[in-house]
Amino acid sequence: MIHTGRCLLGVTTMLALAACASAPLHYYTLIAPAGESVNGGEPASQAGSSPPFELLPVGIPAQVDQPQLVVREGGQSVALLNGERWIAPLGDEVRGALSADLARELHSQDVSGLPGSDKPLLRIKLDLRRFDSQPGSYALIEGTWSVRQLHGAHTGMLACTSRVSVAVGPGYAALVEGHQRAIGQLAAQIASVARSLGSGQTVVCPAG
């Protein structure tokens, strides 16, 4: 005797599994293409070059420190998007994007991991408290950061807090591009403090 119901259930299950297995994965990076400005469309400062900088590892909130994109779905709900993933750990992605943006803003280079010296050096640290993503609405980063000028004629340190929110269009690519722009704006704020420290000026945290 043929159990038609069980057979149909088995076929349905097999089709569902096949669909899941064939679902494509999409990978994203926060590092913008070389030569592309993400600082809200504004050009980098034309001021002279700054000392090289050392960007320490970036702290990331545990809630979003996942291979998948984590997005808000209104209220207190969030979703872990298994088909939408970062190409590298999120902390590395943020650090890589910030390093590239700082190098562009400061006309300098990231010397993290290279042997130390007694030449002027900027040491930069960022700890994110929020990395919020709402497709079709906004990309938001918030955290504390510090810049320390080591060696040279002028030394000093300043710690600040920044919150950057960028409106984004629909789609996950637009969401990631929004985070790229938010990191670019944060890099501009950090660079303004770094330049002031390097020139011996009185420094204050950027507004906002």
Protein backbone atom coordinates (compact mmCIF):
# COMPACT_ATOMS: atom_id res chain seq x y z
CA MET A 1 0.00 0.00 0.00
CA ILE A 2 1.40 3.38 -1.00
CA HIS A 3 1.21 6.15 1.61
CA THR A 4 0.66 9.11 -0.73
CA GLY A 5 0.65 11.69 2.08
CA ARG A 6 4.04 10.57 3.39
CA CYS A 7 5.52 10.52 -0.11
CA LEU A 8 4.32 14.05 -0.79
CA LEU A 9 5.71 15.19 2.55
CA GLY A 10 9.07 13.61 1.73
CA VAL A 11 9.20 15.27 -1.69
CA THR A 12 8.28 18.65 -0.18
CA THR A 13 10.99 18.33 2.44
CA MET A 14 13.58 17.40 -0.19
CA LEU A 15 12.60 20.38 -2.34
CA ALA A 16 12.83 22.73 0.64
CA LEU A 17 16.27 21.41 1.55
CA ALA A 18 17.42 21.77 -2.05
CA ALA A 19 16.19 25.38 -2.11
CA CYS A 20 18.07 26.17 1.10
CA ALA A 21 21.22 24.51 -0.15
CA SER A 22 21.15 26.52 -3.39
CA ALA A 23 20.38 29.89 -1.77
CA PRO A 24 23.29 32.20 -2.69
CA LEU A 25 25.41 33.90 -0.05
CA HIS A 26 26.22 37.59 -0.48
CA TYR A 27 29.41 38.98 1.03
CA TYR A 28 30.05 42.63 1.90
CA THR A 29 33.01 44.78 2.87
CA LEU A 30 33.17 48.16 4.59
CA ILE A 31 36.38 49.06 2.76
CA ALA A 32 35.50 51.39 -0.11
CA PRO A 33 37.13 50.94 -3.55
CA ALA A 34 40.54 52.59 -3.87
CA GLY A 35 40.30 56.29 -4.68
CA GLU A 36 36.60 56.54 -3.82
CA SER A 37 35.57 59.16 -1.25
CA VAL A 38 32.93 58.09 1.27
CA ASN A 39 33.04 61.20 3.47
CA GLY A 40 29.57 62.35 2.53
CA GLY A 41 30.87 63.26 -0.91
CA GLU A 42 33.28 65.82 0.55
CA PRO A 43 36.95 65.84 -0.51
CA ALA A 44 39.63 65.05 2.01
CA SER A 45 41.38 67.94 3.71
CA GLN A 46 44.10 69.54 1.62
CA ALA A 47 46.25 70.25 4.70
CA GLY A 48 49.83 68.98 4.78
CA SER A 49 50.64 65.42 5.71
CA SER A 50 50.54 64.30 9.34
CA PRO A 51 52.87 61.89 11.15
CA PRO A 52 52.22 58.21 10.52
CA PHE A 53 49.55 56.67 12.71
CA GLU A 54 48.99 53.43 14.56
CA LEU A 55 45.35 52.29 14.61
CA LEU A 56 44.70 49.84 17.43
CA PRO A 57 42.17 46.95 17.11
CA VAL A 58 38.59 48.24 17.07
CA GLY A 59 36.13 47.19 19.77
CA ILE A 60 32.76 45.98 18.47
CA PRO A 61 29.47 45.44 20.37
CA ALA A 62 28.94 41.73 21.06
CA GLN A 63 25.40 41.89 19.64
CA VAL A 64 26.64 42.57 16.10
CA ASP A 65 30.00 40.79 16.22
CA GLN A 66 28.73 38.04 13.93
CA PRO A 67 29.66 36.78 10.44
CA GLN A 68 26.11 37.67 9.33
CA LEU A 69 24.63 41.14 9.00
CA VAL A 70 22.48 41.95 12.02
CA VAL A 71 19.63 44.33 11.25
CA ARG A 72 16.87 45.97 13.25
CA GLU A 73 13.27 45.17 12.41
CA GLY A 74 11.55 47.91 14.36
CA GLY A 75 11.11 48.12 18.11
CA GLN A 76 13.39 45.71 19.94
CA SER A 77 13.50 43.00 17.24
CA VAL A 78 16.64 42.13 15.29
CA ALA A 79 17.33 39.63 12.54
CA LEU A 80 20.46 37.62 11.77
CA LEU A 81 20.72 37.46 7.97
CA ASN A 82 22.26 34.11 7.13
CA GLY A 83 22.47 34.92 3.42
CA GLU A 84 24.13 38.34 3.91
CA ARG A 85 27.62 38.18 5.43
CA TRP A 86 30.76 40.18 6.09
CA ILE A 87 33.78 39.03 4.13
CA ALA A 88 35.91 39.32 7.33
CA PRO A 89 35.19 39.69 11.07
CA LEU A 90 33.30 42.94 11.64
CA GLY A 91 36.01 44.39 13.90
CA ASP A 92 38.57 43.86 11.14
CA GLU A 93 36.20 45.36 8.56
CA VAL A 94 35.66 48.53 10.61
CA ARG A 95 39.37 48.83 11.35
CA GLY A 96 40.34 48.36 7.70
CA ALA A 97 37.82 50.95 6.51
CA LEU A 98 38.81 53.46 9.19
CA SER A 99 42.52 52.97 8.45
CA ALA A 100 42.01 53.66 4.74
CA ASP A 101 39.90 56.74 5.44
CA LEU A 102 42.40 58.11 7.99
CA ALA A 103 45.28 57.60 5.56
CA ARG A 104 43.35 59.63 2.99
CA GLU A 105 42.36 62.36 5.45
CA LEU A 106 45.80 62.70 7.05
CA HIS A 107 47.85 62.13 3.88
CA SER A 108 49.77 59.63 5.97
CA GLN A 109 50.05 55.88 6.48
CA ASP A 110 49.06 53.28 9.04
CA VAL A 111 52.25 51.78 10.51
CA SER A 112 50.52 49.33 12.86
CA GLY A 113 52.64 46.24 13.39
CA LEU A 114 55.86 47.84 12.17
CA PRO A 115 58.89 48.26 14.47
CA GLY A 116 58.62 51.31 16.74
CA SER A 117 60.81 54.39 16.57
CA ASP A 118 61.27 57.71 18.35
CA LYS A 119 59.76 59.68 15.45
CA PRO A 120 56.37 61.45 15.85
CA LEU A 121 53.49 59.00 15.85
CA LEU A 122 49.71 59.25 16.23
CA ARG A 123 48.12 56.41 18.20
CA ILE A 124 44.40 56.06 17.53
CA LYS A 125 41.89 53.85 19.32
CA LEU A 126 38.18 53.30 18.67
CA ASP A 127 35.63 51.35 20.71
CA LEU A 128 32.16 51.18 19.18
CA ARG A 129 29.19 51.01 21.53
CA ARG A 130 26.62 50.82 18.74
CA PHE A 131 26.65 49.59 15.16
CA ASP A 132 22.99 49.78 14.18
CA SER A 133 21.56 48.82 10.82
CA GLN A 134 17.99 49.37 9.61
CA PRO A 135 17.54 48.70 5.89
CA GLY A 136 15.82 51.51 4.04
CA SER A 137 16.24 53.82 7.03
CA TYR A 138 19.66 54.42 8.59
CA ALA A 139 23.16 53.17 9.34
CA LEU A 140 24.43 54.35 12.74
CA ILE A 141 27.71 54.09 14.59
CA GLU A 142 28.46 55.43 18.06
CA GLY A 143 31.54 55.04 20.18
CA THR A 144 34.47 56.51 22.03
CA TRP A 145 37.83 57.20 20.45
CA SER A 146 41.13 58.73 21.38
CA VAL A 147 44.12 60.24 19.62
CA ARG A 148 47.54 60.36 21.28
CA GLN A 149 50.52 62.19 19.79
CA LEU A 150 53.76 60.42 20.73
CA HIS A 151 57.29 61.83 20.44
CA GLY A 152 58.17 64.98 18.54
CA ALA A 153 57.88 68.62 19.64
CA HIS A 154 54.19 68.34 20.51
CA THR A 155 52.67 65.53 22.55
CA GLY A 156 49.23 65.16 24.02
CA MET A 157 46.03 63.15 24.03
CA LEU A 158 42.31 63.74 23.62
CA ALA A 159 39.40 61.30 24.08
CA CYS A 160 36.00 61.97 22.51
CA THR A 161 32.62 60.40 21.82
CA SER A 162 30.96 60.45 18.41
CA ARG A 163 27.58 59.44 17.02
CA VAL A 164 27.13 59.33 13.26
CA SER A 165 23.84 58.40 11.56
CA VAL A 166 23.47 58.19 7.79
CA ALA A 167 20.18 57.83 5.90
CA VAL A 168 20.15 54.83 3.56
CA GLY A 169 17.96 53.57 0.75
CA PRO A 170 16.43 50.10 0.43
CA GLY A 171 18.62 47.03 0.10
CA TYR A 172 21.58 45.60 1.96
CA ALA A 173 24.18 47.05 -0.42
CA ALA A 174 22.82 50.53 0.33
CA LEU A 175 22.97 49.75 4.05
CA VAL A 176 26.63 48.74 3.87
CA GLU A 177 27.43 51.81 1.77
CA GLY A 178 25.78 53.89 4.50
CA HIS A 179 28.10 52.39 7.09
CA GLN A 180 31.03 53.16 4.79
CA ARG A 181 29.97 56.82 4.73
CA ALA A 182 29.45 56.87 8.51
CA ILE A 183 32.98 55.56 9.06
CA GLY A 184 34.27 58.14 6.57
CA GLN A 185 32.64 60.94 8.56
CA LEU A 186 34.07 59.56 11.79
CA ALA A 187 37.53 59.42 10.20
CA ALA A 188 37.21 63.12 9.29
CA GLN A 189 36.42 63.97 12.93
CA ILE A 190 39.37 61.94 14.23
CA ALA A 191 41.70 63.45 11.62
CA SER A 192 40.76 67.01 12.61
CA VAL A 193 41.83 66.29 16.19
CA ALA A 194 45.00 64.51 15.04
CA ARG A 195 46.07 67.50 12.92
CA SER A 196 45.52 69.91 15.81
CA LEU A 197 47.53 67.73 18.17
CA GLY A 198 50.34 67.48 15.67
CA SER A 199 50.59 71.25 15.29
CA GLY A 200 50.47 71.95 19.02
CA GLN A 201 47.11 73.69 18.91
CA THR A 202 44.52 73.58 21.66
CA VAL A 203 42.25 70.66 20.81
CA VAL A 204 38.56 70.08 21.54
CA CYS A 205 36.25 67.26 20.57
CA PRO A 206 34.28 67.84 17.35
CA ALA A 207 30.70 68.99 17.81
CA GLY A 208 28.18 66.16 17.70
